[in-house]
Amino acid sequence: MTRPRTGIERGALGGFLVIGAVVVLGASAFAYTAGWLTPGRLSPTKIVNSLAPPGGPALGHRRNHTKGICFTGEFRANGAGSALSSARVLAAGTYPAIGRFNLASAEFPVADAAVPIRGLGLQIAAPAATWRMAMITAPFFPVSSPQGFYDLQKAAHAKDPNAMKDFIAAHPSFLPFVAWVKSSIWTASYAENQFNSLDSFAFTNAQGQKSIVRWSWVPEAAPVAITPKALMQKGQNALEQEISDRVAKAPQSWRLVITVANPGDPTSDPSKAWPTDRRTVDAGTLTVDKIQPEPDGPCRDLNFDPTVLPAGMATSDDPFPAARSAAYAVSYNRRTAEAADYPHKDAGVAP
């Protein structure tokens, strides 16, 4: 005869069932996110796979923005950003920073003059508060959705001569981006580049007031135009050599300028720039005082996940940060598993 369960046993069994349900639900959600249960659905794995150049990815390296160089420095917040966010990193004070200048390309090696878009990965840390971000020099993104980004990669790597034409017909927002690339000013230094978040985030201040924002790191150094041909003549790794030499002579700085959206501004579409008359807040200065080659540098093992945000900051209705976070995780897992393929010896900056 089966012995009746006691109240404690029933409670324990109920607890196990709840735990089991949570585990199953969590696993199912993860599987759905990864695209395992819906093979036709866009997944982080598909996005990362689509980035691979014809010769395959550079093992042990990031799957995009593959070429880069590390830096360390500090962010000196002036306190003005606290009007928008209660985040500790925006309160007046000085906070350590680790970052990475990079090229927006999955090719490796690649010549600096072959890539018109440059990037900045950055981490600013305060006690119990970490802010990570990934930005590029473009003022807006080439596509309006993660699916569009995937479609762009597929078209760019397709053998069909009409693939890019068909892509542009389906994604007309790409044409303004092409126009910007053709007209943008090239520089011979990362120190002369402005880096933009493009994605929108939600900031909440100590009074509970919410603002949707984007931000830019604006260089103190004035940009000096150079042609791609002239940059090519400086060498394949001219940007890394230049920033190393420049910072060795004197620290380089960028101002954090936060732009606040007006009601009705497009907050979920980074391919649409906001009007230039929007309210801005100058929140402080990033100063870079040391450059280190990426092998064994402090940025090498950092995942610049844009959803790593301190209290007072959150993602908005923009779908890209979550998509980027998931794709970055796949890239991070792959490159760390390939550690033996990465050159962990500091060989300096090649000419």
Protein backbone atom coordinates (compact mmCIF):
# COMPACT_ATOMS: atom_id res chain seq x y z
CA MET A 1 0.00 0.00 0.00
CA THR A 2 1.33 3.42 -0.91
CA ARG A 3 2.01 5.58 2.11
CA PRO A 4 0.27 8.98 1.97
CA ARG A 5 2.69 11.85 1.48
CA THR A 6 3.11 14.23 4.35
CA GLY A 7 2.59 17.96 3.95
CA ILE A 8 6.36 18.45 3.96
CA GLU A 9 6.80 15.82 1.26
CA ARG A 10 4.01 17.34 -0.83
CA GLY A 11 5.63 20.75 -0.43
CA ALA A 12 9.02 19.35 -1.41
CA LEU A 13 7.53 17.58 -4.43
CA GLY A 14 5.74 20.76 -5.46
CA GLY A 15 8.99 22.65 -5.10
CA PHE A 16 10.81 20.15 -7.31
CA LEU A 17 8.05 20.40 -9.92
CA VAL A 18 8.30 24.19 -9.91
CA ILE A 19 12.08 24.03 -10.21
CA GLY A 20 11.77 21.49 -13.01
CA ALA A 21 9.27 23.66 -14.83
CA VAL A 22 11.58 26.68 -14.53
CA VAL A 23 14.53 24.65 -15.84
CA VAL A 24 12.50 23.35 -18.79
CA LEU A 25 11.12 26.82 -19.51
CA GLY A 26 14.60 28.34 -19.29
CA ALA A 27 16.08 25.67 -21.54
CA SER A 28 13.25 26.10 -24.02
CA ALA A 29 13.70 29.86 -24.06
CA PHE A 30 17.43 29.42 -24.60
CA ALA A 31 16.83 26.90 -27.37
CA TYR A 32 14.36 29.25 -29.01
CA THR A 33 16.82 32.15 -28.74
CA ALA A 34 19.54 30.02 -30.27
CA GLY A 35 17.21 28.95 -33.07
CA TRP A 36 17.43 25.25 -32.18
CA LEU A 37 13.68 24.65 -32.17
CA THR A 38 12.95 26.82 -35.19
CA PRO A 39 15.62 26.17 -37.83
CA GLY A 40 14.30 28.89 -40.14
CA ARG A 41 14.51 31.59 -37.48
CA LEU A 42 17.36 34.09 -37.35
CA SER A 43 19.70 33.12 -34.51
CA PRO A 44 22.93 34.46 -32.99
CA THR A 45 24.77 31.49 -34.48
CA LYS A 46 23.48 32.30 -37.97
CA ILE A 47 24.51 35.93 -37.59
CA VAL A 48 28.02 35.02 -36.48
CA ASN A 49 28.37 32.40 -39.21
CA SER A 50 27.32 34.96 -41.82
CA LEU A 51 30.26 37.20 -40.88
CA ALA A 52 32.92 34.69 -41.88
CA PRO A 53 35.07 35.88 -44.80
CA PRO A 54 35.60 33.56 -47.82
CA GLY A 55 38.76 32.08 -46.30
CA GLY A 56 37.03 31.37 -43.00
CA PRO A 57 37.31 33.16 -39.64
CA ALA A 58 40.61 33.94 -37.96
CA LEU A 59 40.67 31.32 -35.23
CA GLY A 60 41.02 32.65 -31.71
CA HIS A 61 39.89 36.13 -32.78
CA ARG A 62 36.64 38.08 -32.59
CA ARG A 63 34.31 37.18 -35.43
CA ASN A 64 33.82 40.82 -36.40
CA HIS A 65 35.91 43.94 -35.78
CA THR A 66 38.66 41.34 -35.77
CA LYS A 67 41.67 43.65 -35.95
CA GLY A 68 42.18 45.91 -32.95
CA ILE A 69 44.50 47.33 -30.32
CA CYS A 70 43.96 47.79 -26.57
CA PHE A 71 44.13 50.89 -24.43
CA THR A 72 43.70 51.90 -20.81
CA GLY A 73 42.86 55.24 -19.29
CA GLU A 74 40.19 56.94 -17.23
CA PHE A 75 36.80 58.56 -17.58
CA ARG A 76 36.41 61.79 -15.64
CA ALA A 77 32.67 62.38 -15.21
CA ASN A 78 31.72 66.00 -14.58
CA GLY A 79 28.38 65.10 -12.98
CA ALA A 80 26.19 66.65 -15.69
CA GLY A 81 25.11 63.20 -16.84
CA SER A 82 23.39 62.64 -13.50
CA ALA A 83 20.56 64.84 -14.74
CA LEU A 84 19.73 61.96 -17.11
CA SER A 85 20.84 58.85 -15.22
CA SER A 86 21.50 57.79 -11.65
CA ALA A 87 24.32 55.50 -12.91
CA ARG A 88 27.35 55.74 -10.65
CA VAL A 89 29.67 56.08 -13.66
CA LEU A 90 28.04 59.42 -14.56
CA ALA A 91 28.31 60.91 -11.06
CA ALA A 92 31.20 63.36 -10.67
CA GLY A 93 34.39 61.36 -10.26
CA THR A 94 37.14 59.50 -12.06
CA TYR A 95 36.71 55.89 -13.17
CA PRO A 96 39.11 53.41 -14.81
CA ALA A 97 38.56 52.62 -18.47
CA ILE A 98 39.65 49.77 -20.72
CA GLY A 99 39.01 49.87 -24.44
CA ARG A 100 39.84 48.70 -27.92
CA PHE A 101 40.25 50.63 -31.16
CA ASN A 102 39.32 48.44 -34.11
CA LEU A 103 38.31 48.10 -37.74
CA ALA A 104 34.77 47.09 -38.74
CA SER A 105 35.81 44.03 -40.70
CA ALA A 106 35.82 40.27 -40.18
CA GLU A 107 38.92 39.94 -42.38
CA PHE A 108 42.25 39.27 -40.66
CA PRO A 109 44.80 40.41 -41.47
CA VAL A 110 43.44 43.45 -43.26
CA ALA A 111 44.95 46.76 -44.34
CA ASP A 112 43.70 49.84 -42.47
CA ALA A 113 42.98 51.62 -45.76
CA ALA A 114 40.65 48.81 -46.86
CA VAL A 115 38.09 49.50 -44.11
CA PRO A 116 36.15 52.80 -44.05
CA ILE A 117 34.41 52.16 -40.71
CA ARG A 118 36.30 52.11 -37.41
CA GLY A 119 35.11 51.03 -34.00
CA LEU A 120 35.58 51.61 -30.30
CA GLY A 121 34.84 49.07 -27.59
CA LEU A 122 34.86 50.58 -24.10
CA GLN A 123 34.35 49.58 -20.47
CA ILE A 124 34.02 52.12 -17.68
CA ALA A 125 33.91 50.72 -14.16
CA ALA A 126 32.79 52.16 -10.83
CA PRO A 127 32.13 50.33 -7.55
CA ALA A 128 29.27 47.87 -8.25
CA ALA A 129 28.68 49.50 -11.64
CA THR A 130 30.07 48.51 -15.03
CA TRP A 131 29.21 50.14 -18.35
CA ARG A 132 30.25 48.42 -21.57
CA MET A 133 29.63 49.76 -25.04
CA ALA A 134 30.56 49.20 -28.67
CA MET A 135 30.46 52.08 -31.14
CA ILE A 136 31.46 52.92 -34.70
CA THR A 137 32.42 56.02 -36.64
CA ALA A 138 29.32 56.01 -38.85
CA PRO A 139 26.55 58.45 -37.79
CA PHE A 140 23.83 55.85 -38.47
CA PHE A 141 23.62 52.13 -39.14
CA PRO A 142 23.29 50.65 -42.66
CA VAL A 143 20.14 48.65 -41.86
CA SER A 144 17.12 48.99 -39.60
CA SER A 145 16.92 45.50 -38.06
CA PRO A 146 19.05 42.48 -37.09
CA GLN A 147 17.40 40.57 -39.95
CA GLY A 148 18.54 43.30 -42.30
CA PHE A 149 22.08 42.99 -40.99
CA TYR A 150 22.02 39.24 -41.64
CA ASP A 151 20.61 39.81 -45.12
CA LEU A 152 23.44 42.27 -45.81
CA GLN A 153 26.10 39.72 -44.85
CA LYS A 154 24.50 37.06 -47.04
CA ALA A 155 24.27 39.43 -50.00
CA ALA A 156 27.85 40.62 -49.56
CA HIS A 157 29.16 37.04 -49.62
CA ALA A 158 26.81 35.70 -52.31
CA LYS A 159 28.07 34.50 -55.68
CA ASP A 160 24.90 35.76 -57.35
CA PRO A 161 25.81 39.05 -59.12
CA ASN A 162 22.31 40.37 -58.41
CA ALA A 163 22.39 39.61 -54.68
CA MET A 164 23.42 43.10 -53.57
CA LYS A 165 21.01 44.74 -56.00
CA ASP A 166 18.17 42.66 -54.59
CA PHE A 167 19.28 43.48 -51.05
CA ILE A 168 19.21 47.23 -51.70
CA ALA A 169 15.75 46.94 -53.25
CA ALA A 170 14.52 45.30 -50.05
CA HIS A 171 16.49 47.61 -47.73
CA PRO A 172 16.46 51.16 -49.16
CA SER A 173 17.96 52.54 -45.91
CA PHE A 174 21.26 51.12 -47.12
CA LEU A 175 21.63 53.76 -49.84
CA PRO A 176 22.08 56.74 -47.45
CA PHE A 177 24.74 54.72 -45.66
CA VAL A 178 26.59 54.09 -48.93
CA ALA A 179 26.38 57.80 -49.68
CA TRP A 180 27.87 58.60 -46.28
CA VAL A 181 30.75 56.15 -46.79
CA LYS A 182 31.57 57.73 -50.15
CA SER A 183 31.58 61.27 -48.74
CA SER A 184 33.06 60.69 -45.28
CA ILE A 185 36.45 62.04 -44.28
CA TRP A 186 39.24 59.54 -43.68
CA THR A 187 41.83 60.28 -41.00
CA ALA A 188 45.20 58.74 -40.21
CA SER A 189 44.48 58.41 -36.48
CA TYR A 190 41.95 56.82 -34.18
CA ALA A 191 42.49 59.89 -31.99
CA GLU A 192 40.74 62.03 -34.62
CA ASN A 193 37.63 59.86 -34.95
CA GLN A 194 34.20 60.37 -33.38
CA PHE A 195 32.57 57.13 -32.21
CA ASN A 196 28.77 56.85 -32.02
CA SER A 197 26.52 54.47 -30.10
CA LEU A 198 23.85 54.50 -32.86
CA ASP A 199 21.61 52.33 -30.67
CA SER A 200 19.13 53.96 -28.31
CA PHE A 201 19.14 53.35 -24.55
CA ALA A 202 16.86 54.31 -21.67
CA PHE A 203 18.38 56.45 -18.90
CA THR A 204 16.53 57.04 -15.62
CA ASN A 205 17.66 59.67 -13.12
CA ALA A 206 17.36 59.73 -9.34
CA GLN A 207 13.93 61.39 -9.61
CA GLY A 208 12.60 58.55 -11.74
CA GLN A 209 12.52 60.62 -14.93
CA LYS A 210 13.21 58.55 -18.06
CA SER A 211 14.99 59.70 -21.22
CA ILE A 212 15.82 57.85 -24.41
CA VAL A 213 19.36 58.65 -25.46
CA ARG A 214 22.20 57.96 -27.83
CA TRP A 215 25.77 59.10 -27.25
CA SER A 216 29.00 59.94 -29.01
CA TRP A 217 32.65 60.16 -27.99
CA VAL A 218 33.86 63.35 -29.64
CA PRO A 219 37.65 63.69 -30.09
CA GLU A 220 39.58 66.62 -28.68
CA ALA A 221 42.04 66.22 -31.56
CA ALA A 222 40.97 67.96 -34.74
CA PRO A 223 40.46 65.58 -37.69
CA VAL A 224 42.99 65.86 -40.50
CA ALA A 225 41.76 64.47 -43.81
CA ILE A 226 43.76 61.86 -45.68
CA THR A 227 42.98 59.83 -48.78
CA PRO A 228 42.73 56.05 -48.56
CA LYS A 229 45.65 55.84 -50.99
CA ALA A 230 47.84 58.00 -48.75
CA LEU A 231 46.82 55.93 -45.73
CA MET A 232 47.72 52.73 -47.58
CA GLN A 233 51.18 54.13 -48.27
CA LYS A 234 51.75 54.50 -44.53
CA GLY A 235 51.56 50.74 -44.10
CA GLN A 236 49.03 48.00 -43.40
CA ASN A 237 48.95 48.73 -39.64
CA ALA A 238 49.43 52.49 -39.77
CA LEU A 239 46.54 53.25 -37.41
CA GLU A 240 47.89 51.05 -34.62
CA GLN A 241 51.39 52.45 -35.02
CA GLU A 242 50.13 56.03 -35.09
CA ILE A 243 47.96 55.76 -31.97
CA SER A 244 50.78 54.01 -30.12
CA ASP A 245 53.24 56.77 -31.00
CA ARG A 246 50.74 59.56 -30.34
CA VAL A 247 49.68 58.36 -26.90
CA ALA A 248 53.33 57.71 -25.94
CA LYS A 249 53.92 61.44 -26.50
CA ALA A 250 50.73 62.68 -24.81
CA PRO A 251 47.38 61.27 -23.55
CA GLN A 252 44.46 61.59 -25.98
CA SER A 253 40.92 62.57 -25.03
CA TRP A 254 37.29 62.29 -26.15
CA ARG A 255 34.23 64.05 -24.68
CA LEU A 256 31.11 62.04 -23.87
CA VAL A 257 28.18 63.84 -25.51
CA ILE A 258 24.77 62.35 -24.72
CA THR A 259 21.89 63.21 -27.07
CA VAL A 260 18.31 63.12 -25.77
CA ALA A 261 15.46 62.08 -28.04
CA ASN A 262 12.36 64.18 -28.53
CA PRO A 263 8.93 62.51 -28.50
CA GLY A 264 8.41 60.87 -31.86
CA ASP A 265 12.09 60.40 -32.69
CA PRO A 266 12.88 56.93 -34.08
CA THR A 267 14.28 55.03 -31.11
CA SER A 268 14.04 51.47 -32.44
CA ASP A 269 15.78 52.11 -35.76
CA PRO A 270 19.51 52.97 -35.69
CA SER A 271 19.51 53.54 -39.45
CA LYS A 272 17.67 56.80 -38.83
CA ALA A 273 19.70 59.70 -37.43
CA TRP A 274 18.05 62.13 -35.03
CA PRO A 275 17.80 65.82 -35.94
CA THR A 276 20.89 67.81 -35.00
CA ASP A 277 18.94 70.26 -32.82
CA ARG A 278 18.25 67.70 -30.07
CA ARG A 279 19.30 68.42 -26.50
CA THR A 280 22.83 67.29 -25.67
CA VAL A 281 24.65 66.84 -22.37
CA ASP A 282 28.44 66.94 -22.14
CA ALA A 283 29.00 64.35 -19.41
CA GLY A 284 32.77 64.11 -19.08
CA THR A 285 36.04 63.17 -20.71
CA LEU A 286 37.71 59.87 -21.60
CA THR A 287 41.49 60.10 -21.50
CA VAL A 288 43.62 57.34 -23.03
CA ASP A 289 47.12 57.21 -21.59
CA LYS A 290 48.43 53.77 -22.56
CA ILE A 291 48.25 51.67 -25.72
CA GLN A 292 48.97 47.94 -25.70
CA PRO A 293 48.98 45.43 -28.57
CA GLU A 294 46.00 43.11 -28.24
CA PRO A 295 47.95 39.87 -27.64
CA ASP A 296 48.03 39.70 -23.83
CA GLY A 297 46.54 43.21 -23.65
CA PRO A 298 43.78 44.09 -21.13
CA CYS A 299 41.05 44.24 -23.79
CA ARG A 300 41.76 40.88 -25.40
CA ASP A 301 39.39 38.84 -23.25
CA LEU A 302 36.77 41.55 -22.76
CA ASN A 303 33.37 41.05 -24.37
CA PHE A 304 32.08 44.56 -25.09
CA ASP A 305 28.46 43.50 -24.64
CA PRO A 306 26.28 46.63 -24.96
CA THR A 307 23.68 45.21 -22.58
CA VAL A 308 26.14 45.30 -19.66
CA LEU A 309 24.71 48.43 -18.10
CA PRO A 310 24.76 49.91 -14.58
CA ALA A 311 21.62 50.72 -12.61
CA GLY A 312 20.13 53.87 -14.11
CA MET A 313 20.65 52.64 -17.67
CA ALA A 314 18.68 50.05 -19.64
CA THR A 315 18.00 48.94 -23.18
CA SER A 316 15.16 50.61 -25.07
CA ASP A 317 12.86 49.34 -27.83
CA ASP A 318 15.90 49.17 -30.14
CA PRO A 319 16.33 45.44 -30.97
CA PHE A 320 20.02 45.64 -31.83
CA PRO A 321 21.64 45.61 -28.34
CA ALA A 322 20.00 42.29 -27.46
CA ALA A 323 20.89 40.82 -30.85
CA ARG A 324 24.45 42.06 -30.56
CA SER A 325 24.74 40.71 -27.03
CA ALA A 326 23.68 37.24 -28.17
CA ALA A 327 26.01 37.28 -31.19
CA TYR A 328 28.92 38.59 -29.11
CA ALA A 329 28.43 35.68 -26.72
CA VAL A 330 28.71 33.19 -29.58
CA SER A 331 31.83 34.94 -30.87
CA TYR A 332 33.34 35.04 -27.37
CA ASN A 333 32.71 31.35 -26.76
CA ARG A 334 34.26 30.41 -30.07
CA ARG A 335 37.39 32.48 -29.73
CA THR A 336 38.05 31.43 -26.14
CA ALA A 337 37.69 27.79 -27.18
CA GLU A 338 40.31 28.49 -29.85
CA ALA A 339 42.82 30.07 -27.46
CA ALA A 340 45.62 27.85 -28.74
CA ASP A 341 45.23 29.44 -32.18
CA TYR A 342 45.68 32.99 -30.90
CA PRO A 343 49.17 34.56 -30.71
CA HIS A 344 49.48 35.24 -26.98
CA LYS A 345 52.92 36.77 -27.34
CA ASP A 346 53.30 40.54 -27.45
CA ALA A 347 55.11 41.03 -30.73
CA GLY A 348 54.58 44.78 -30.86
CA VAL A 349 53.01 46.72 -33.69
CA ALA A 350 54.10 45.64 -37.16
CA PRO A 351 54.96 48.36 -39.67
